[in-house]
Protein backbone atom coordinates (compact mmCIF):
# COMPACT_ATOMS: atom_id res chain seq x y z
CA MET A 1 0.21 -0.05 -0.14
CA ASN A 2 1.21 3.50 -0.67
CA PRO A 3 2.40 5.24 2.34
CA THR A 4 1.00 8.03 1.83
CA ILE A 5 -2.70 6.42 1.14
CA LEU A 6 -2.13 5.03 4.61
CA TYR A 7 -0.77 7.69 6.12
CA ASP A 8 -4.26 9.58 4.79
CA SER A 9 -6.08 7.00 5.85
CA CYS A 10 -4.53 6.91 9.17
CA LYS A 11 -5.20 10.49 9.94
CA LYS A 12 -8.78 10.53 8.61
CA TRP A 13 -9.52 7.59 11.41
CA LEU A 14 -8.28 9.43 14.13
CA LYS A 15 -9.84 12.41 13.47
CA ARG A 16 -13.26 10.85 13.11
CA LYS A 17 -12.18 9.35 17.23
CA LEU A 18 -11.12 12.43 18.21
CA TYR A 19 -13.29 14.36 16.27
CA PRO A 20 -16.76 12.40 15.89
CA SER A 21 -19.45 13.82 13.57
CA PRO A 22 -21.96 16.12 16.12
CA SER A 23 -25.31 14.75 16.88
CA SER A 24 -27.35 17.64 18.00
CA ILE A 25 -26.51 21.13 17.88
CA PRO A 26 -24.87 21.61 21.27
CA GLU A 27 -22.02 19.34 19.97
CA TYR A 28 -22.10 21.16 17.03
CA LEU A 29 -20.79 24.34 18.10
CA HIS A 30 -18.70 22.81 20.44
CA SER A 31 -16.69 21.04 17.65
CA LEU A 32 -16.88 24.65 15.86
CA GLY A 33 -15.18 26.14 19.11
CA VAL A 34 -12.53 23.85 19.75
CA GLU A 35 -11.77 24.04 15.49
CA SER A 36 -11.52 27.88 15.54
CA LEU A 37 -9.30 27.94 18.56
CA TRP A 38 -6.36 26.84 17.04
CA HIS A 39 -6.94 30.28 14.68
CA TYR A 40 -8.97 32.84 16.59
CA PRO A 41 -8.87 34.57 20.14
CA ALA A 42 -11.35 33.30 22.53
CA ARG A 43 -13.59 36.24 22.23
CA GLN A 44 -14.04 36.23 18.70
CA VAL A 45 -14.76 32.62 18.47
CA ILE A 46 -17.74 33.51 21.05
CA ASP A 47 -18.79 35.71 18.61
CA ILE A 48 -18.26 33.02 15.77
CA LEU A 49 -20.71 30.65 18.00
CA THR A 50 -23.25 32.66 18.85
CA ASP A 51 -23.81 33.87 15.22
CA TYR A 52 -24.33 30.74 14.24
CA GLN A 53 -26.16 29.52 17.35
CA GLU A 54 -28.54 31.96 16.48
CA TYR A 55 -28.78 30.79 12.89
CA LEU A 56 -29.03 27.32 13.77
CA THR A 57 -31.43 28.25 16.05
CA ALA A 58 -34.33 29.82 13.65
CA GLU A 59 -33.59 27.05 11.33
CA LYS A 60 -34.75 24.65 14.05
CA GLU A 61 -37.57 26.70 14.90
CA GLN A 62 -38.68 26.73 11.23
CA GLY A 63 -38.73 22.75 11.45
CA ALA A 64 -35.42 21.89 9.66
CA ASP A 65 -33.77 18.50 11.33
CA ASP A 66 -30.01 18.30 12.87
CA ASP A 67 -28.80 16.59 9.81
CA SER A 68 -29.64 18.91 7.00
CA LEU A 69 -28.73 21.57 9.51
CA PHE A 70 -25.44 19.96 9.64
CA GLN A 71 -25.00 19.64 5.60
CA ARG A 72 -26.69 23.31 4.75
CA PHE A 73 -23.74 25.04 7.20
CA GLY A 74 -21.15 22.11 6.35
CA SER A 75 -18.57 20.81 9.00
CA PRO A 76 -17.07 22.60 11.47
CA ASP A 77 -13.65 21.97 8.56
CA THR A 78 -15.67 23.41 5.75
CA VAL A 79 -17.47 26.40 7.83
CA ILE A 80 -13.03 26.97 9.76
CA LYS A 81 -11.81 27.45 5.95
CA GLU A 82 -15.03 29.64 4.92
CA LEU A 83 -13.84 32.01 7.95
CA LEU A 84 -10.27 31.69 7.09
CA SER A 85 -10.48 33.00 3.81
CA GLU A 86 -12.56 35.54 4.71
CA ASN A 87 -9.88 36.69 8.08
CA PRO A 88 -6.41 35.25 7.65
CA SER A 89 -4.82 37.22 9.66
CA GLY A 90 -7.54 36.22 12.57
CA LYS A 91 -4.77 32.99 13.32
CA HIS A 92 -1.17 35.15 13.86
CA ASP A 93 -2.10 35.87 17.19
CA VAL A 94 -2.84 32.33 18.32
CA TYR A 95 0.74 31.06 16.85
CA ARG A 96 2.51 33.75 18.41
CA ALA A 97 1.32 32.68 21.75
CA LEU A 98 1.96 29.15 20.83
CA ILE A 99 5.30 29.71 19.96
CA LEU A 100 6.06 31.29 23.16
CA TRP A 101 4.37 28.57 25.23
CA GLY A 102 6.25 25.88 23.36
CA ALA A 103 9.65 28.04 24.25
CA LEU A 104 8.49 27.35 27.67
CA PHE A 105 7.54 23.90 27.38
CA ILE A 106 11.28 22.81 25.82
CA PHE A 107 12.98 24.88 28.54
CA SER A 108 11.19 23.23 31.35
CA PHE A 109 11.60 19.49 29.56
CA TRP A 110 15.55 20.13 28.85
CA GLU A 111 15.73 21.02 32.21
CA ALA A 112 13.56 18.06 33.38
CA ILE A 113 16.35 15.80 31.58
CA TYR A 114 19.62 17.28 32.67
CA LEU A 115 18.64 17.87 36.68
CA ASP A 116 18.98 14.90 39.08
CA ASN A 117 16.52 16.14 41.22
CA LEU A 118 14.15 18.09 39.41
CA PRO A 119 12.29 20.96 41.32
CA PRO A 120 8.65 21.37 41.64
CA VAL A 121 8.96 24.63 40.02
CA PHE A 122 10.30 23.18 36.89
CA GLN A 123 7.57 20.69 36.52
CA CYS A 124 5.02 23.41 37.82
CA LEU A 125 6.68 25.68 33.86
CA GLY A 126 5.97 22.76 32.01
CA PHE A 127 2.69 21.59 32.89
CA LEU A 128 1.75 25.21 33.05
CA ALA A 129 3.12 25.49 29.42
CA LEU A 130 1.84 22.34 27.99
CA PHE A 131 -1.90 23.87 29.46
CA GLY A 132 -1.11 26.93 27.52
CA LEU A 133 -0.24 24.76 24.17
CA ILE A 134 -3.65 23.14 24.16
CA ARG A 135 -5.22 26.35 24.79
CA GLY A 136 -6.48 25.53 27.96
CA ARG A 137 -7.82 28.45 29.09
CA GLU A 138 -9.66 29.52 26.46
CA ARG A 139 -11.56 26.26 25.95
CA LEU A 140 -12.50 26.53 29.72
CA ALA A 141 -13.97 29.86 28.52
CA VAL A 142 -15.48 28.19 25.65
CA GLU A 143 -17.05 24.96 27.31
CA ARG A 144 -18.73 27.46 29.92
CA ILE A 145 -21.21 28.68 26.83
CA PHE A 146 -21.11 25.94 25.04
CA PRO A 147 -20.47 22.89 26.48
CA GLY A 148 -19.50 19.64 24.41
CA ARG A 149 -20.10 15.99 24.79
CA GLN A 150 -20.96 14.97 28.58
CA PHE A 151 -17.71 14.94 30.79
CA HIS A 152 -17.83 10.94 32.89
CA THR A 153 -16.66 12.43 36.29
CA GLY A 154 -16.58 8.62 37.22
CA ARG A 155 -14.63 7.32 34.79
CA THR A 156 -12.03 9.79 35.37
CA VAL A 157 -11.83 9.60 38.97
CA LEU A 158 -11.12 5.82 38.56
CA MET A 159 -8.73 6.66 36.28
CA HIS A 160 -6.99 8.75 38.94
CA MET A 161 -7.12 6.10 41.58
CA LEU A 162 -5.46 3.68 38.60
CA ILE A 163 -2.53 6.03 38.74
CA ALA A 164 -2.28 5.82 41.82
CA ALA A 165 -2.25 2.06 42.36
CA MET A 166 -0.05 1.66 40.04
CA THR A 167 2.73 4.15 41.02
CA ALA A 168 2.15 2.56 44.76
CA ALA A 169 2.85 -0.66 43.12
CA ILE A 170 6.40 0.16 41.11
CA GLU A 171 7.32 1.84 44.15
CA SER A 172 6.19 -0.80 46.70
CA PHE A 173 8.53 -2.97 44.33
CA THR A 174 11.68 -0.87 44.42
CA TRP A 175 11.36 -0.45 48.19
CA TYR A 176 10.82 -4.17 48.44
CA ALA A 177 13.79 -4.60 46.12
CA PHE A 178 15.80 -2.28 48.29
CA THR A 179 15.22 -4.19 51.72
CA CYS A 180 16.25 -7.61 50.00
CA ALA A 181 19.37 -6.00 48.29
CA ARG A 182 20.85 -5.72 51.67
CA PRO A 183 22.08 -9.45 52.42
CA PHE A 184 23.22 -10.03 48.62
CA PRO A 185 26.34 -8.98 46.74
CA PRO A 186 25.76 -5.94 44.45
CA LYS A 187 26.80 -7.59 41.30
CA ILE A 188 24.45 -11.16 42.20
CA PHE A 189 21.59 -9.26 42.75
CA HIS A 190 21.91 -6.87 39.80
CA ILE A 191 22.40 -9.91 38.01
CA PHE A 192 19.40 -12.02 39.05
CA THR A 193 16.99 -8.74 39.49
CA GLY A 194 18.26 -6.37 36.30
CA SER A 195 15.90 -7.44 33.58
CA LEU A 196 12.79 -7.88 35.96
CA PHE A 197 13.02 -4.01 36.97
CA SER A 198 13.98 -3.17 33.54
CA ALA A 199 10.70 -4.74 32.11
CA ALA A 200 8.86 -3.84 35.30
CA PHE A 201 9.77 0.09 34.75
CA SER A 202 9.33 -0.25 30.89
CA LEU A 203 5.66 -1.12 31.24
CA PHE A 204 4.94 1.17 34.05
CA SER A 205 6.15 4.20 31.93
CA LEU A 206 5.14 3.10 28.58
CA SER A 207 1.39 2.71 30.53
CA PHE A 208 1.64 6.03 32.06
CA LEU A 209 2.49 8.06 29.45
CA LEU A 210 0.04 6.49 26.99
CA ILE A 211 -2.95 7.32 29.06
CA THR A 212 -1.05 10.98 29.39
CA GLY A 213 -0.98 11.27 25.46
CA ILE A 214 -5.02 9.54 26.32
CA MET A 215 -5.98 12.34 28.48
CA LEU A 216 -4.54 15.27 26.40
CA ALA A 217 -5.91 13.93 23.01
CA LYS A 218 -9.79 14.04 25.11
CA SER A 219 -8.93 17.13 26.68
CA VAL A 220 -8.92 18.83 23.26
CA SER A 221 -11.51 16.82 21.83
CA CYS A 222 -13.80 16.74 24.35
CA SER A 223 -13.35 18.80 27.69
CA ILE A 224 -10.71 20.27 28.86
CA ARG A 225 -11.41 19.25 32.39
CA TYR A 226 -9.69 15.78 31.13
CA PHE A 227 -6.22 17.71 31.41
CA PRO A 228 -5.76 17.29 34.98
CA VAL A 229 -5.44 12.98 34.75
CA ALA A 230 -3.48 13.82 32.21
CA ILE A 231 -1.09 15.87 34.79
CA HIS A 232 -1.25 12.70 37.00
CA ALA A 233 -0.01 10.14 34.44
CA ALA A 234 2.71 12.56 33.18
CA GLY A 235 4.02 12.70 36.71
CA GLY A 236 3.40 9.09 37.61
CA ALA A 237 5.91 8.81 34.03
CA VAL A 238 8.07 10.86 35.63
CA CYS A 239 8.06 9.40 38.70
CA THR A 240 8.67 6.10 37.28
CA ILE A 241 11.13 7.06 34.99
CA LYS A 242 13.30 9.31 37.77
CA THR A 243 13.22 5.82 39.94
CA SER A 244 14.34 3.97 37.42
CA PHE A 245 17.63 6.30 36.59
CA ILE A 246 18.37 6.37 40.49
CA LEU A 247 18.49 2.66 40.67
CA SER A 248 20.21 2.26 37.48
CA ARG A 249 23.50 4.00 38.84
CA LEU A 250 22.50 3.12 42.72
CA ASP A 251 24.10 0.44 44.93
CA LEU A 252 21.03 -1.26 46.29
CA SER A 253 23.12 -3.01 49.08
CA ALA A 254 24.94 0.07 50.05
CA GLY A 255 21.67 1.85 51.32
CA GLY A 256 21.29 5.61 50.22
CA MET A 257 17.43 4.77 49.65
CA TYR A 258 16.67 8.59 50.74
CA GLU A 259 17.93 8.96 47.28
CA LEU A 260 14.20 7.47 46.00
CA TYR A 261 12.40 10.81 47.35
CA SER A 262 13.22 12.85 44.49
CA SER A 263 11.09 10.84 42.43
CA LEU A 264 8.12 11.20 45.09
CA LEU A 265 8.86 14.74 45.06
CA CYS A 266 8.08 14.32 41.44
CA TYR A 267 4.74 12.97 41.97
CA GLY A 268 3.71 14.23 44.66
CA THR A 269 3.83 17.50 42.99
CA ALA A 270 1.90 16.37 39.76
CA LEU A 271 -0.76 15.40 42.18
CA MET A 272 -1.77 18.32 44.31
CA LEU A 273 -1.04 20.33 40.61
CA SER A 274 -4.16 17.60 39.69
CA LEU A 275 -6.38 17.72 42.66
CA ALA A 276 -5.85 21.61 42.50
CA SER A 277 -6.60 22.04 38.83
CA SER A 278 -9.89 19.43 38.89
CA LEU A 279 -10.91 21.75 41.59
CA CYS A 280 -10.72 24.88 39.83
CA PHE A 281 -12.18 23.56 36.57
CA THR A 282 -15.09 22.03 38.69
CA ALA A 283 -15.58 25.90 40.03
CA LEU A 284 -15.25 27.60 36.84
CA GLN A 285 -17.52 24.77 34.82
CA ARG A 286 -20.36 26.44 35.50
CA PRO A 287 -22.34 27.14 31.78
CA GLU A 288 -23.33 30.48 31.32
CA SER A 289 -26.74 31.00 29.32
CA SER A 290 -25.69 33.70 26.53
CA ALA A 291 -22.58 35.05 25.39
CA GLY A 292 -23.42 38.36 26.56
CA GLN A 293 -22.61 36.87 30.38
CA TYR A 294 -19.50 35.64 29.21
CA LYS A 295 -18.75 39.21 27.75
CA LYS A 296 -19.57 41.08 30.98
CA GLY A 297 -17.06 38.94 33.14
CA GLY A 298 -14.27 38.63 30.68
CA VAL A 299 -12.27 35.47 30.17
């Protein structure tokens, strides 16, 4: 099969999964808002969605069904292309903001790689930059007025519990190995446990990174309230990778268990940020009744 055709097929399949076709007017407006945020400031997106809400509501009152309305107005992608052809300069400010947030994220990521003890401030900067890259503040503002598909609170709670349980399991495994390593010569212990440690940490790291990617995708396509789960999973990934790095260069039989506290600090910081952002999003996620209320209170 042609690689280009395969790439296009995979891209279309992924887009259908992340951005399914809207089945109602609120979902259509939310999808249009999500697409518009990559090109226009939040206030301009609110104005666009308000105009389309008026058009769709007027047509609905005249007896038109949702499918015919969506065909007449076109998909969100089609609407965005038309808007960009009329006002192509609207995306420049967004791109400048993305470049600044991207630079901050790269700086935080660079520091995280080269620092043995990752300070919480760099974690906070990294998560803040990631939040800016997906335009989280603007998404929250749009979702307050034009909520999209239903947010599943129970599933996110279960996901938080799963991440915490996985982190507890890998840390318990590490501390147990530390305790059992003391009676054995270091070389013998590493020979028999090296592959086991490597497999376990690789599995947990990949699992955390996969959860982080899925939650970021859901934050972009469904609701920004999935973002705290992505923070929590990213903290678990950082904790696991840091622990693996410490164990790879540490003599388990010589003590020095205090070095593992640095990885736990990384996880604790991510957990606190996740809980704090969840509370903030829940408090702020009070749908407004009109765009006029949005303009009064600002973003």
